[in-house]
């Protein structure tokens, strides 16, 4: 666990094989945001309906963030599982293949080539899924920012 400059705690989870960060949890940030919004709305003596509207918006943000984080965690777990399989294959085949000047792997037998291609295709598939989720995450972040701006400006939809 690390503490951000804001004072909020972030929990990092690492791959047990390679040690790289698999995902981090910052849901506490959104929970703190909810508490801050509720406290601020009370200090400003906002009506219950207005306060509930703000808190509903924060709750929706938390739900959307949590759902996205779950998808990303699963996709990263798949990626690292497939990467581990790919690397294990290369280690198993060590000394049984060469790499030519064009950086192409050359295998002595067809079954090894087929296994290599299957592992590489799986790795490409999980990489593509992560890239799609990264784009989805950026869109989600932008939508959540717009929703928050809308709520703060009083144009809640």
N, C-alpha and C. Protein backbone atom coordinates (compact mmCIF):
# COMPACT_ATOMS: atom_id res chain seq x y z
N UNK A 1 0.85 -1.16 0.00
CA UNK A 1 0.00 0.00 0.00
C UNK A 1 0.91 1.23 0.00
N UNK A 2 0.53 2.22 -0.79
CA UNK A 2 1.25 3.49 -0.84
C UNK A 2 0.26 4.60 -0.56
N UNK A 3 0.78 5.71 -0.13
CA UNK A 3 -0.06 6.87 0.11
C UNK A 3 0.23 7.90 -0.97
N UNK A 4 -0.82 8.33 -1.65
CA UNK A 4 -0.68 9.32 -2.71
C UNK A 4 -0.39 10.69 -2.10
N UNK A 5 0.00 11.65 -2.93
CA UNK A 5 0.25 13.00 -2.45
C UNK A 5 -0.98 13.58 -1.78
N UNK A 6 -2.16 13.15 -2.22
CA UNK A 6 -3.42 13.64 -1.65
C UNK A 6 -3.68 13.08 -0.27
N UNK A 7 -2.88 12.08 0.13
CA UNK A 7 -3.10 11.43 1.42
C UNK A 7 -3.96 10.19 1.32
N UNK A 8 -4.47 9.90 0.12
CA UNK A 8 -5.31 8.72 -0.07
C UNK A 8 -4.44 7.49 -0.29
N UNK A 9 -4.89 6.38 0.27
CA UNK A 9 -4.14 5.12 0.16
C UNK A 9 -4.48 4.41 -1.15
N UNK A 10 -3.45 3.89 -1.80
CA UNK A 10 -3.60 3.06 -2.99
C UNK A 10 -2.99 1.71 -2.69
N UNK A 11 -3.70 0.65 -3.07
CA UNK A 11 -3.18 -0.69 -2.87
C UNK A 11 -2.75 -1.25 -4.21
N UNK A 12 -1.48 -1.66 -4.30
CA UNK A 12 -0.93 -2.21 -5.54
C UNK A 12 -0.86 -3.72 -5.43
N UNK A 13 -1.20 -4.41 -6.53
CA UNK A 13 -1.14 -5.87 -6.59
C UNK A 13 -0.15 -6.24 -7.70
N UNK A 14 0.74 -7.18 -7.40
CA UNK A 14 1.84 -7.51 -8.30
C UNK A 14 1.74 -8.94 -8.82
N UNK A 15 2.30 -9.15 -10.00
CA UNK A 15 2.40 -10.47 -10.59
C UNK A 15 3.42 -11.27 -9.77
N UNK A 16 3.04 -12.47 -9.28
CA UNK A 16 3.98 -13.25 -8.49
C UNK A 16 5.15 -13.80 -9.31
N UNK A 17 4.99 -13.85 -10.63
CA UNK A 17 6.03 -14.39 -11.48
C UNK A 17 7.09 -13.34 -11.83
N UNK A 18 6.64 -12.19 -12.32
CA UNK A 18 7.60 -11.19 -12.81
C UNK A 18 7.71 -9.96 -11.91
N UNK A 19 6.76 -9.77 -11.00
CA UNK A 19 6.82 -8.64 -10.07
C UNK A 19 6.27 -7.34 -10.59
N UNK A 20 5.76 -7.31 -11.83
CA UNK A 20 5.21 -6.05 -12.34
C UNK A 20 3.82 -5.80 -11.76
N UNK A 21 3.43 -4.55 -11.75
CA UNK A 21 2.12 -4.18 -11.22
C UNK A 21 1.04 -4.75 -12.13
N UNK A 22 0.12 -5.52 -11.56
CA UNK A 22 -0.98 -6.08 -12.31
C UNK A 22 -2.16 -5.12 -12.28
N UNK A 23 -2.45 -4.59 -11.10
CA UNK A 23 -3.50 -3.59 -10.96
C UNK A 23 -3.33 -2.89 -9.62
N UNK A 24 -4.01 -1.76 -9.48
CA UNK A 24 -4.03 -1.07 -8.21
C UNK A 24 -5.46 -0.69 -7.90
N UNK A 25 -5.73 -0.56 -6.63
CA UNK A 25 -7.08 -0.22 -6.20
C UNK A 25 -7.10 1.20 -5.65
N UNK A 26 -8.00 1.98 -6.19
CA UNK A 26 -8.17 3.35 -5.73
C UNK A 26 -9.61 3.63 -5.40
N UNK A 27 -10.41 2.59 -5.16
CA UNK A 27 -11.83 2.78 -4.84
C UNK A 27 -11.98 3.64 -3.60
N UNK A 28 -10.99 3.59 -2.71
CA UNK A 28 -11.03 4.42 -1.51
C UNK A 28 -11.12 5.89 -1.88
N UNK A 29 -10.53 6.26 -3.02
CA UNK A 29 -10.61 7.64 -3.48
C UNK A 29 -12.05 8.04 -3.74
N UNK A 30 -12.80 7.16 -4.39
CA UNK A 30 -14.20 7.48 -4.69
C UNK A 30 -15.04 7.45 -3.42
N UNK A 31 -14.73 6.56 -2.49
CA UNK A 31 -15.46 6.54 -1.22
C UNK A 31 -15.19 7.82 -0.44
N UNK A 32 -13.94 8.28 -0.48
CA UNK A 32 -13.60 9.53 0.19
C UNK A 32 -14.32 10.69 -0.50
N UNK A 33 -14.38 10.65 -1.83
CA UNK A 33 -15.08 11.69 -2.58
C UNK A 33 -16.54 11.75 -2.13
N UNK A 34 -17.16 10.59 -1.96
CA UNK A 34 -18.56 10.55 -1.52
C UNK A 34 -18.71 11.20 -0.15
N UNK A 35 -17.81 10.85 0.76
CA UNK A 35 -17.84 11.42 2.11
C UNK A 35 -17.63 12.93 2.06
N UNK A 36 -16.68 13.38 1.24
CA UNK A 36 -16.41 14.81 1.12
C UNK A 36 -17.62 15.55 0.55
N UNK A 37 -18.27 14.98 -0.47
CA UNK A 37 -19.45 15.61 -1.08
C UNK A 37 -20.58 15.68 -0.05
N UNK A 38 -20.76 14.60 0.67
CA UNK A 38 -21.83 14.60 1.68
C UNK A 38 -21.55 15.65 2.76
N UNK A 39 -20.32 15.70 3.25
CA UNK A 39 -19.98 16.68 4.29
C UNK A 39 -20.11 18.11 3.78
N UNK A 40 -19.65 18.35 2.55
CA UNK A 40 -19.75 19.68 1.97
C UNK A 40 -21.21 20.09 1.79
N UNK A 41 -22.03 19.18 1.27
CA UNK A 41 -23.44 19.51 1.04
C UNK A 41 -24.16 19.80 2.36
N UNK A 42 -23.77 19.10 3.40
CA UNK A 42 -24.37 19.38 4.73
C UNK A 42 -23.90 20.74 5.24
N UNK A 43 -22.61 21.05 5.08
CA UNK A 43 -22.09 22.32 5.58
C UNK A 43 -22.70 23.51 4.82
N UNK A 44 -23.08 23.27 3.57
CA UNK A 44 -23.71 24.34 2.77
C UNK A 44 -25.22 24.39 2.97
N UNK A 45 -25.73 23.52 3.86
CA UNK A 45 -27.17 23.44 4.14
C UNK A 45 -28.00 23.20 2.88
N UNK A 46 -27.48 22.35 1.99
CA UNK A 46 -28.24 22.01 0.80
C UNK A 46 -29.41 21.11 1.19
N UNK A 47 -30.46 21.19 0.44
CA UNK A 47 -31.63 20.37 0.72
C UNK A 47 -31.33 18.89 0.55
N UNK A 48 -32.17 18.08 1.16
CA UNK A 48 -31.97 16.63 1.08
C UNK A 48 -32.01 16.12 -0.35
N UNK A 49 -32.92 16.68 -1.17
CA UNK A 49 -33.01 16.23 -2.56
C UNK A 49 -31.74 16.53 -3.34
N UNK A 50 -31.18 17.72 -3.13
CA UNK A 50 -29.95 18.11 -3.82
C UNK A 50 -28.80 17.21 -3.35
N UNK A 51 -28.71 17.02 -2.03
CA UNK A 51 -27.65 16.17 -1.48
C UNK A 51 -27.76 14.75 -2.02
N UNK A 52 -28.98 14.20 -2.05
CA UNK A 52 -29.18 12.85 -2.59
C UNK A 52 -28.79 12.79 -4.06
N UNK A 53 -29.10 13.84 -4.80
CA UNK A 53 -28.72 13.88 -6.21
C UNK A 53 -27.21 13.82 -6.40
N UNK A 54 -26.50 14.61 -5.61
CA UNK A 54 -25.03 14.56 -5.67
C UNK A 54 -24.51 13.19 -5.28
N UNK A 55 -25.03 12.65 -4.19
CA UNK A 55 -24.54 11.36 -3.70
C UNK A 55 -24.89 10.23 -4.66
N UNK A 56 -26.05 10.31 -5.31
CA UNK A 56 -26.41 9.30 -6.31
C UNK A 56 -25.40 9.34 -7.46
N UNK A 57 -25.00 10.55 -7.86
CA UNK A 57 -24.00 10.68 -8.92
C UNK A 57 -22.68 10.06 -8.52
N UNK A 58 -22.25 10.29 -7.28
CA UNK A 58 -21.00 9.70 -6.80
C UNK A 58 -21.13 8.18 -6.75
N UNK A 59 -22.27 7.69 -6.27
CA UNK A 59 -22.49 6.24 -6.20
C UNK A 59 -22.46 5.60 -7.59
N UNK A 60 -23.03 6.29 -8.58
CA UNK A 60 -23.00 5.77 -9.96
C UNK A 60 -21.57 5.74 -10.48
N UNK A 61 -20.80 6.76 -10.16
CA UNK A 61 -19.38 6.78 -10.58
C UNK A 61 -18.64 5.61 -9.96
N UNK A 62 -18.87 5.36 -8.67
CA UNK A 62 -18.20 4.26 -7.98
C UNK A 62 -18.58 2.92 -8.61
N UNK A 63 -19.86 2.75 -8.93
CA UNK A 63 -20.31 1.49 -9.54
C UNK A 63 -19.68 1.29 -10.92
N UNK A 64 -19.65 2.34 -11.73
CA UNK A 64 -19.06 2.23 -13.06
C UNK A 64 -17.56 1.98 -12.98
N UNK A 65 -16.89 2.68 -12.06
CA UNK A 65 -15.46 2.48 -11.88
C UNK A 65 -15.17 1.05 -11.43
N UNK A 66 -15.94 0.56 -10.47
CA UNK A 66 -15.73 -0.79 -9.94
C UNK A 66 -15.95 -1.85 -11.02
N UNK A 67 -16.99 -1.67 -11.83
CA UNK A 67 -17.26 -2.63 -12.90
C UNK A 67 -16.12 -2.64 -13.92
N UNK A 68 -15.64 -1.45 -14.26
CA UNK A 68 -14.52 -1.38 -15.21
C UNK A 68 -13.26 -1.99 -14.61
N UNK A 69 -12.98 -1.68 -13.36
CA UNK A 69 -11.78 -2.23 -12.70
C UNK A 69 -11.82 -3.75 -12.69
N UNK A 70 -12.99 -4.33 -12.47
CA UNK A 70 -13.12 -5.80 -12.48
C UNK A 70 -12.78 -6.36 -13.85
N UNK A 71 -13.28 -5.71 -14.90
CA UNK A 71 -12.96 -6.18 -16.26
C UNK A 71 -11.47 -6.07 -16.55
N UNK A 72 -10.86 -4.98 -16.12
CA UNK A 72 -9.44 -4.77 -16.37
C UNK A 72 -8.60 -5.78 -15.59
N UNK A 73 -8.97 -6.05 -14.37
CA UNK A 73 -8.23 -7.02 -13.56
C UNK A 73 -8.28 -8.39 -14.22
N UNK A 74 -9.46 -8.80 -14.67
CA UNK A 74 -9.60 -10.11 -15.34
C UNK A 74 -8.78 -10.15 -16.62
N UNK A 75 -8.80 -9.08 -17.40
CA UNK A 75 -8.05 -9.04 -18.66
C UNK A 75 -6.54 -9.09 -18.40
N UNK A 76 -6.08 -8.40 -17.39
CA UNK A 76 -4.64 -8.44 -17.07
C UNK A 76 -4.23 -9.81 -16.56
N UNK A 77 -5.09 -10.43 -15.78
CA UNK A 77 -4.79 -11.79 -15.31
C UNK A 77 -4.67 -12.74 -16.49
N UNK A 78 -5.58 -12.61 -17.46
CA UNK A 78 -5.51 -13.44 -18.68
C UNK A 78 -4.21 -13.18 -19.43
N UNK A 79 -3.86 -11.91 -19.58
CA UNK A 79 -2.64 -11.55 -20.29
C UNK A 79 -1.43 -12.19 -19.64
N UNK A 80 -1.30 -12.06 -18.33
CA UNK A 80 -0.12 -12.60 -17.65
C UNK A 80 -0.11 -14.13 -17.68
N UNK A 81 -1.27 -14.75 -17.63
CA UNK A 81 -1.35 -16.22 -17.73
C UNK A 81 -0.86 -16.65 -19.11
N UNK A 82 -1.32 -15.98 -20.16
CA UNK A 82 -0.93 -16.32 -21.53
C UNK A 82 0.55 -16.00 -21.75
N UNK A 83 1.03 -14.89 -21.22
CA UNK A 83 2.44 -14.54 -21.34
C UNK A 83 3.31 -15.60 -20.67
N UNK A 84 2.89 -16.06 -19.50
CA UNK A 84 3.63 -17.10 -18.80
C UNK A 84 3.72 -18.37 -19.65
N UNK A 85 2.60 -18.74 -20.29
CA UNK A 85 2.58 -19.92 -21.15
C UNK A 85 3.52 -19.74 -22.35
N UNK A 86 3.50 -18.56 -22.94
CA UNK A 86 4.35 -18.27 -24.10
C UNK A 86 5.83 -18.37 -23.70
N UNK A 87 6.19 -17.75 -22.59
CA UNK A 87 7.58 -17.78 -22.14
C UNK A 87 8.00 -19.21 -21.78
N UNK A 88 7.11 -19.95 -21.13
CA UNK A 88 7.42 -21.34 -20.78
C UNK A 88 7.68 -22.16 -22.03
N UNK A 89 6.90 -21.93 -23.08
CA UNK A 89 7.11 -22.63 -24.35
C UNK A 89 8.50 -22.31 -24.91
N UNK A 90 8.85 -21.01 -24.93
CA UNK A 90 10.16 -20.63 -25.46
C UNK A 90 11.30 -21.25 -24.65
N UNK A 91 11.13 -21.31 -23.34
CA UNK A 91 12.16 -21.93 -22.50
C UNK A 91 12.25 -23.43 -22.80
N UNK A 92 11.09 -24.07 -22.92
CA UNK A 92 11.05 -25.51 -23.23
C UNK A 92 11.75 -25.81 -24.55
N UNK A 93 11.58 -24.92 -25.50
CA UNK A 93 12.14 -25.12 -26.84
C UNK A 93 13.55 -24.54 -27.00
N UNK A 94 14.10 -24.02 -25.92
CA UNK A 94 15.42 -23.40 -25.98
C UNK A 94 16.44 -24.34 -26.63
N UNK A 95 17.14 -23.81 -27.62
CA UNK A 95 18.13 -24.59 -28.35
C UNK A 95 17.54 -25.37 -29.51
N UNK A 96 16.20 -25.39 -29.63
CA UNK A 96 15.54 -26.14 -30.70
C UNK A 96 15.01 -25.23 -31.80
N UNK A 97 15.25 -23.93 -31.67
CA UNK A 97 14.81 -23.00 -32.71
C UNK A 97 15.91 -21.97 -32.91
N UNK A 98 15.79 -21.27 -34.03
CA UNK A 98 16.71 -20.16 -34.32
C UNK A 98 15.87 -18.95 -34.67
N UNK A 99 16.52 -17.82 -34.67
CA UNK A 99 15.86 -16.57 -35.06
C UNK A 99 16.66 -16.01 -36.22
N UNK A 100 15.98 -15.79 -37.35
CA UNK A 100 16.70 -15.32 -38.53
C UNK A 100 16.90 -13.81 -38.49
N UNK A 101 17.51 -13.27 -39.55
CA UNK A 101 17.83 -11.84 -39.62
C UNK A 101 16.59 -10.95 -39.58
N UNK A 102 15.46 -11.49 -40.00
CA UNK A 102 14.19 -10.73 -39.97
C UNK A 102 13.45 -10.91 -38.65
N UNK A 103 14.13 -11.50 -37.67
CA UNK A 103 13.58 -11.76 -36.34
C UNK A 103 12.41 -12.74 -36.36
N UNK A 104 12.46 -13.66 -37.30
CA UNK A 104 11.46 -14.71 -37.40
C UNK A 104 11.97 -15.96 -36.68
N UNK A 105 11.09 -16.58 -35.89
CA UNK A 105 11.46 -17.82 -35.22
C UNK A 105 11.38 -18.96 -36.23
N UNK A 106 12.39 -19.81 -36.24
CA UNK A 106 12.44 -20.96 -37.13
C UNK A 106 12.53 -22.22 -36.28
N UNK A 107 11.52 -23.10 -36.42
CA UNK A 107 11.45 -24.33 -35.65
C UNK A 107 11.75 -25.52 -36.56
N UNK A 108 12.36 -26.54 -35.98
CA UNK A 108 12.75 -27.73 -36.74
C UNK A 108 11.55 -28.60 -37.08
N UNK A 109 10.52 -28.59 -36.23
CA UNK A 109 9.38 -29.46 -36.53
C UNK A 109 8.07 -28.66 -36.53
N UNK A 110 7.12 -29.17 -37.29
CA UNK A 110 5.84 -28.48 -37.49
C UNK A 110 5.03 -28.36 -36.20
N UNK A 111 5.08 -29.38 -35.34
CA UNK A 111 4.27 -29.32 -34.11
C UNK A 111 4.75 -28.19 -33.21
N UNK A 112 6.05 -27.95 -33.14
CA UNK A 112 6.57 -26.84 -32.34
C UNK A 112 6.13 -25.51 -32.95
N UNK A 113 6.17 -25.41 -34.26
CA UNK A 113 5.72 -24.20 -34.94
C UNK A 113 4.24 -23.95 -34.67
N UNK A 114 3.43 -25.00 -34.72
CA UNK A 114 2.00 -24.87 -34.45
C UNK A 114 1.76 -24.39 -33.02
N UNK A 115 2.48 -24.96 -32.07
CA UNK A 115 2.34 -24.54 -30.67
C UNK A 115 2.79 -23.09 -30.48
N UNK A 116 3.89 -22.72 -31.16
CA UNK A 116 4.37 -21.34 -31.10
C UNK A 116 3.30 -20.38 -31.63
N UNK A 117 2.75 -20.71 -32.80
CA UNK A 117 1.73 -19.84 -33.40
C UNK A 117 0.49 -19.74 -32.52
N UNK A 118 0.08 -20.84 -31.90
CA UNK A 118 -1.08 -20.82 -31.01
C UNK A 118 -0.80 -19.92 -29.80
N UNK A 119 0.39 -20.06 -29.22
CA UNK A 119 0.75 -19.24 -28.06
C UNK A 119 0.85 -17.76 -28.45
N UNK A 120 1.44 -17.48 -29.60
CA UNK A 120 1.57 -16.11 -30.07
C UNK A 120 0.21 -15.50 -30.37
N UNK A 121 -0.68 -16.26 -31.00
CA UNK A 121 -2.03 -15.76 -31.28
C UNK A 121 -2.78 -15.45 -29.99
N UNK A 122 -2.63 -16.32 -28.99
CA UNK A 122 -3.28 -16.08 -27.69
C UNK A 122 -2.72 -14.81 -27.05
N UNK A 123 -1.41 -14.62 -27.14
CA UNK A 123 -0.79 -13.42 -26.58
C UNK A 123 -1.27 -12.17 -27.31
N UNK A 124 -1.35 -12.24 -28.62
CA UNK A 124 -1.87 -11.11 -29.40
C UNK A 124 -3.31 -10.80 -29.03
N UNK A 125 -4.12 -11.84 -28.82
CA UNK A 125 -5.52 -11.65 -28.46
C UNK A 125 -5.68 -10.96 -27.11
N UNK A 126 -4.90 -11.39 -26.13
CA UNK A 126 -5.01 -10.76 -24.81
C UNK A 126 -4.46 -9.34 -24.82
N UNK A 127 -3.43 -9.11 -25.64
CA UNK A 127 -2.89 -7.75 -25.77
C UNK A 127 -3.92 -6.83 -26.40
N UNK A 128 -4.59 -7.32 -27.43
CA UNK A 128 -5.63 -6.52 -28.09
C UNK A 128 -6.76 -6.19 -27.11
N UNK A 129 -7.16 -7.17 -26.31
CA UNK A 129 -8.22 -6.96 -25.32
C UNK A 129 -7.80 -5.87 -24.32
N UNK A 130 -6.55 -5.92 -23.86
CA UNK A 130 -6.07 -4.89 -22.93
C UNK A 130 -6.08 -3.51 -23.58
N UNK A 131 -5.68 -3.43 -24.83
CA UNK A 131 -5.67 -2.15 -25.53
C UNK A 131 -7.09 -1.60 -25.67
N UNK A 132 -8.05 -2.48 -25.97
CA UNK A 132 -9.45 -2.06 -26.07
C UNK A 132 -9.95 -1.55 -24.72
N UNK A 133 -9.59 -2.26 -23.66
CA UNK A 133 -10.01 -1.83 -22.33
C UNK A 133 -9.35 -0.52 -21.92
N UNK A 134 -8.10 -0.32 -22.32
CA UNK A 134 -7.43 0.96 -22.04
C UNK A 134 -8.21 2.10 -22.69
N UNK A 135 -8.63 1.90 -23.93
CA UNK A 135 -9.42 2.93 -24.63
C UNK A 135 -10.77 3.11 -23.94
N UNK A 136 -11.39 2.01 -23.55
CA UNK A 136 -12.67 2.09 -22.84
C UNK A 136 -12.49 2.84 -21.52
N UNK A 137 -11.38 2.61 -20.84
CA UNK A 137 -11.10 3.30 -19.58
C UNK A 137 -10.97 4.79 -19.77
N UNK A 138 -10.33 5.21 -20.85
CA UNK A 138 -10.19 6.63 -21.14
C UNK A 138 -11.55 7.25 -21.43
N UNK A 139 -12.39 6.52 -22.17
CA UNK A 139 -13.74 7.01 -22.45
C UNK A 139 -14.56 7.11 -21.17
N UNK A 140 -14.43 6.11 -20.31
CA UNK A 140 -15.15 6.11 -19.04
C UNK A 140 -14.71 7.29 -18.18
N UNK A 141 -13.41 7.50 -18.11
CA UNK A 141 -12.89 8.62 -17.32
C UNK A 141 -13.43 9.95 -17.84
N UNK A 142 -13.45 10.09 -19.15
CA UNK A 142 -13.96 11.33 -19.75
C UNK A 142 -15.45 11.48 -19.45
N UNK A 143 -16.21 10.40 -19.58
CA UNK A 143 -17.65 10.46 -19.30
C UNK A 143 -17.92 10.79 -17.83
N UNK A 144 -17.14 10.22 -16.94
CA UNK A 144 -17.32 10.50 -15.52
C UNK A 144 -16.97 11.94 -15.19
N UNK A 145 -15.93 12.48 -15.83
CA UNK A 145 -15.58 13.89 -15.62
C UNK A 145 -16.69 14.80 -16.11
N UNK A 146 -17.24 14.47 -17.28
CA UNK A 146 -18.35 15.27 -17.81
C UNK A 146 -19.56 15.20 -16.90
N UNK A 147 -19.84 14.01 -16.38
CA UNK A 147 -20.97 13.84 -15.47
C UNK A 147 -20.77 14.68 -14.21
N UNK A 148 -19.55 14.67 -13.70
CA UNK A 148 -19.26 15.44 -12.49
C UNK A 148 -19.38 16.94 -12.77
N UNK A 149 -18.83 17.40 -13.91
CA UNK A 149 -18.95 18.81 -14.27
C UNK A 149 -20.41 19.21 -14.40
N UNK A 150 -21.19 18.34 -15.01
CA UNK A 150 -22.61 18.59 -15.17
C UNK A 150 -23.31 18.69 -13.82
N UNK A 151 -22.97 17.79 -12.92
CA UNK A 151 -23.60 17.81 -11.59
C UNK A 151 -23.23 19.07 -10.82
N UNK A 152 -21.96 19.45 -10.90
CA UNK A 152 -21.50 20.63 -10.16
C UNK A 152 -22.10 21.91 -10.73
N UNK A 153 -22.28 21.95 -12.05
CA UNK A 153 -22.82 23.16 -12.67
C UNK A 153 -24.35 23.25 -12.53
N UNK A 154 -24.96 22.17 -12.01
CA UNK A 154 -26.41 22.20 -11.79
C UNK A 154 -27.21 21.74 -12.99
N UNK A 155 -26.55 21.16 -13.99
CA UNK A 155 -27.26 20.67 -15.17
C UNK A 155 -27.31 19.16 -15.16
N UNK A 156 -27.64 18.58 -13.99
CA UNK A 156 -27.69 17.13 -13.86
C UNK A 156 -28.72 16.57 -14.81
N UNK A 157 -28.31 15.53 -15.54
CA UNK A 157 -29.21 14.92 -16.53
C UNK A 157 -29.81 13.66 -15.99
